Amino acid sequence: MNIQKDIYVNRLPLKEKIEYFRNEMVSTGLKEGFSSPKTVEISQNLDALLNKLLEISKF
C-alpha cells in the first residue's frame, strides 16, 4: 500500500475499512494467489479490524 492510500484508509469508518480490506484481499488473492505473503498480510489486517468490530459490538 502506498502512503496516499494509507492516509485514505485510515480516515475511513471501521465498517468501510473492513469492506476495503475485504476487496483488497480478494483482488490480491486472485492476482497473486490466496497464500501469497501480500494476501496473507491483508487478511491479517482484515482479521484485526473484524476483531475490533466484534469487541465494539459487545457493548
N, C-alpha and C. Protein backbone atom coordinates (compact mmCIF):
# COMPACT_ATOMS: atom_id res chain seq x y z
N MET A 1 0.84 -1.18 0.00
CA MET A 1 0.00 0.00 0.00
C MET A 1 0.88 1.24 0.00
N ASN A 2 0.50 2.25 -0.74
CA ASN A 2 1.31 3.46 -0.74
C ASN A 2 0.81 4.44 0.32
N ILE A 3 1.57 5.50 0.54
CA ILE A 3 1.27 6.44 1.64
C ILE A 3 -0.07 7.13 1.44
N GLN A 4 -0.38 7.58 0.23
CA GLN A 4 -1.66 8.24 -0.01
C GLN A 4 -2.83 7.29 0.27
N LYS A 5 -2.68 6.03 -0.12
CA LYS A 5 -3.72 5.04 0.13
C LYS A 5 -3.86 4.80 1.63
N ASP A 6 -2.72 4.75 2.36
CA ASP A 6 -2.75 4.58 3.81
C ASP A 6 -3.53 5.70 4.48
N ILE A 7 -3.26 6.94 4.07
CA ILE A 7 -3.94 8.09 4.66
C ILE A 7 -5.44 7.99 4.39
N TYR A 8 -5.82 7.63 3.18
CA TYR A 8 -7.23 7.48 2.82
C TYR A 8 -7.90 6.41 3.67
N VAL A 9 -7.28 5.25 3.76
CA VAL A 9 -7.85 4.12 4.50
C VAL A 9 -7.97 4.46 5.98
N ASN A 10 -6.99 5.14 6.55
CA ASN A 10 -7.02 5.48 7.97
C ASN A 10 -8.16 6.42 8.33
N ARG A 11 -8.68 7.15 7.37
CA ARG A 11 -9.77 8.09 7.63
C ARG A 11 -11.16 7.46 7.47
N LEU A 12 -11.21 6.25 6.98
CA LEU A 12 -12.49 5.59 6.76
C LEU A 12 -13.08 5.08 8.08
N PRO A 13 -14.42 5.09 8.20
CA PRO A 13 -15.05 4.44 9.35
C PRO A 13 -14.73 2.94 9.33
N LEU A 14 -14.84 2.31 10.48
CA LEU A 14 -14.43 0.91 10.65
C LEU A 14 -15.09 -0.03 9.63
N LYS A 15 -16.39 0.07 9.45
CA LYS A 15 -17.07 -0.85 8.52
C LYS A 15 -16.61 -0.65 7.08
N GLU A 16 -16.29 0.59 6.73
CA GLU A 16 -15.78 0.85 5.38
C GLU A 16 -14.36 0.31 5.23
N LYS A 17 -13.57 0.38 6.30
CA LYS A 17 -12.22 -0.20 6.27
C LYS A 17 -12.30 -1.70 6.06
N ILE A 18 -13.24 -2.33 6.75
CA ILE A 18 -13.42 -3.78 6.61
C ILE A 18 -13.76 -4.13 5.17
N GLU A 19 -14.67 -3.40 4.59
CA GLU A 19 -15.06 -3.66 3.20
C GLU A 19 -13.89 -3.41 2.25
N TYR A 20 -13.13 -2.35 2.50
CA TYR A 20 -11.96 -2.03 1.68
C TYR A 20 -10.95 -3.18 1.72
N PHE A 21 -10.59 -3.63 2.93
CA PHE A 21 -9.61 -4.70 3.06
C PHE A 21 -10.13 -6.02 2.50
N ARG A 22 -11.43 -6.26 2.62
CA ARG A 22 -12.01 -7.48 2.05
C ARG A 22 -11.84 -7.47 0.52
N ASN A 23 -12.15 -6.34 -0.09
CA ASN A 23 -11.99 -6.23 -1.54
C ASN A 23 -10.53 -6.35 -1.95
N GLU A 24 -9.64 -5.71 -1.20
CA GLU A 24 -8.20 -5.79 -1.49
C GLU A 24 -7.71 -7.23 -1.38
N MET A 25 -8.17 -7.94 -0.35
CA MET A 25 -7.74 -9.32 -0.14
C MET A 25 -8.16 -10.21 -1.31
N VAL A 26 -9.40 -10.09 -1.74
CA VAL A 26 -9.89 -10.91 -2.85
C VAL A 26 -9.15 -10.55 -4.13
N SER A 27 -9.01 -9.27 -4.40
CA SER A 27 -8.32 -8.82 -5.60
C SER A 27 -6.87 -9.30 -5.63
N THR A 28 -6.17 -9.12 -4.52
CA THR A 28 -4.78 -9.56 -4.43
C THR A 28 -4.68 -11.08 -4.53
N GLY A 29 -5.61 -11.76 -3.89
CA GLY A 29 -5.62 -13.22 -3.94
C GLY A 29 -5.80 -13.75 -5.34
N LEU A 30 -6.66 -13.11 -6.11
CA LEU A 30 -6.88 -13.54 -7.49
C LEU A 30 -5.65 -13.27 -8.37
N LYS A 31 -4.94 -12.18 -8.07
CA LYS A 31 -3.76 -11.83 -8.87
C LYS A 31 -2.52 -12.63 -8.45
N GLU A 32 -2.30 -12.73 -7.14
CA GLU A 32 -1.03 -13.27 -6.64
C GLU A 32 -1.16 -14.65 -5.99
N GLY A 33 -2.39 -15.09 -5.81
CA GLY A 33 -2.62 -16.36 -5.13
C GLY A 33 -3.07 -16.10 -3.70
N PHE A 34 -3.95 -16.95 -3.21
CA PHE A 34 -4.53 -16.72 -1.89
C PHE A 34 -3.58 -17.05 -0.74
N SER A 35 -2.45 -17.67 -1.04
CA SER A 35 -1.48 -17.94 0.03
C SER A 35 -0.22 -17.08 -0.13
N SER A 36 -0.28 -16.08 -1.02
CA SER A 36 0.87 -15.19 -1.19
C SER A 36 1.07 -14.36 0.07
N PRO A 37 2.29 -13.96 0.37
CA PRO A 37 2.55 -13.15 1.57
C PRO A 37 1.72 -11.87 1.63
N LYS A 38 1.53 -11.21 0.49
CA LYS A 38 0.76 -9.97 0.46
C LYS A 38 -0.71 -10.23 0.81
N THR A 39 -1.28 -11.29 0.24
CA THR A 39 -2.67 -11.65 0.52
C THR A 39 -2.84 -12.00 1.99
N VAL A 40 -1.90 -12.75 2.53
CA VAL A 40 -1.96 -13.15 3.95
C VAL A 40 -1.87 -11.92 4.84
N GLU A 41 -1.00 -10.97 4.49
CA GLU A 41 -0.88 -9.74 5.29
C GLU A 41 -2.19 -8.95 5.29
N ILE A 42 -2.81 -8.82 4.13
CA ILE A 42 -4.09 -8.12 4.04
C ILE A 42 -5.14 -8.86 4.85
N SER A 43 -5.14 -10.18 4.78
CA SER A 43 -6.08 -10.99 5.55
C SER A 43 -5.90 -10.78 7.05
N GLN A 44 -4.67 -10.68 7.49
CA GLN A 44 -4.40 -10.44 8.91
C GLN A 44 -4.89 -9.06 9.33
N ASN A 45 -4.71 -8.07 8.47
CA ASN A 45 -5.24 -6.73 8.76
C ASN A 45 -6.76 -6.77 8.85
N LEU A 46 -7.38 -7.50 7.94
CA LEU A 46 -8.84 -7.65 7.96
C LEU A 46 -9.29 -8.34 9.24
N ASP A 47 -8.59 -9.38 9.65
CA ASP A 47 -8.92 -10.08 10.90
C ASP A 47 -8.89 -9.13 12.09
N ALA A 48 -7.86 -8.29 12.14
CA ALA A 48 -7.73 -7.33 13.25
C ALA A 48 -8.91 -6.36 13.27
N LEU A 49 -9.31 -5.89 12.10
CA LEU A 49 -10.46 -4.98 12.02
C LEU A 49 -11.75 -5.68 12.43
N LEU A 50 -11.93 -6.92 11.99
CA LEU A 50 -13.13 -7.67 12.36
C LEU A 50 -13.17 -7.92 13.87
N ASN A 51 -12.01 -8.21 14.46
CA ASN A 51 -11.95 -8.39 15.92
C ASN A 51 -12.30 -7.10 16.64
N LYS A 52 -11.84 -5.98 16.10
CA LYS A 52 -12.15 -4.67 16.70
C LYS A 52 -13.65 -4.41 16.63
N LEU A 53 -14.26 -4.71 15.49
CA LEU A 53 -15.71 -4.53 15.33
C LEU A 53 -16.46 -5.43 16.30
N LEU A 54 -16.02 -6.66 16.45
CA LEU A 54 -16.66 -7.59 17.38
C LEU A 54 -16.58 -7.07 18.81
N GLU A 55 -15.42 -6.55 19.18
CA GLU A 55 -15.24 -6.00 20.52
C GLU A 55 -16.16 -4.81 20.76
N ILE A 56 -16.24 -3.91 19.79
CA ILE A 56 -17.10 -2.73 19.91
C ILE A 56 -18.56 -3.15 19.99
N SER A 57 -18.94 -4.18 19.23
CA SER A 57 -20.33 -4.62 19.16
C SER A 57 -20.82 -5.28 20.44
N LYS A 58 -19.91 -5.68 21.31
CA LYS A 58 -20.29 -6.33 22.56
C LYS A 58 -21.01 -5.38 23.51
N PHE A 59 -20.81 -4.09 23.31
CA PHE A 59 -21.39 -3.11 24.25
C PHE A 59 -22.69 -2.57 23.79
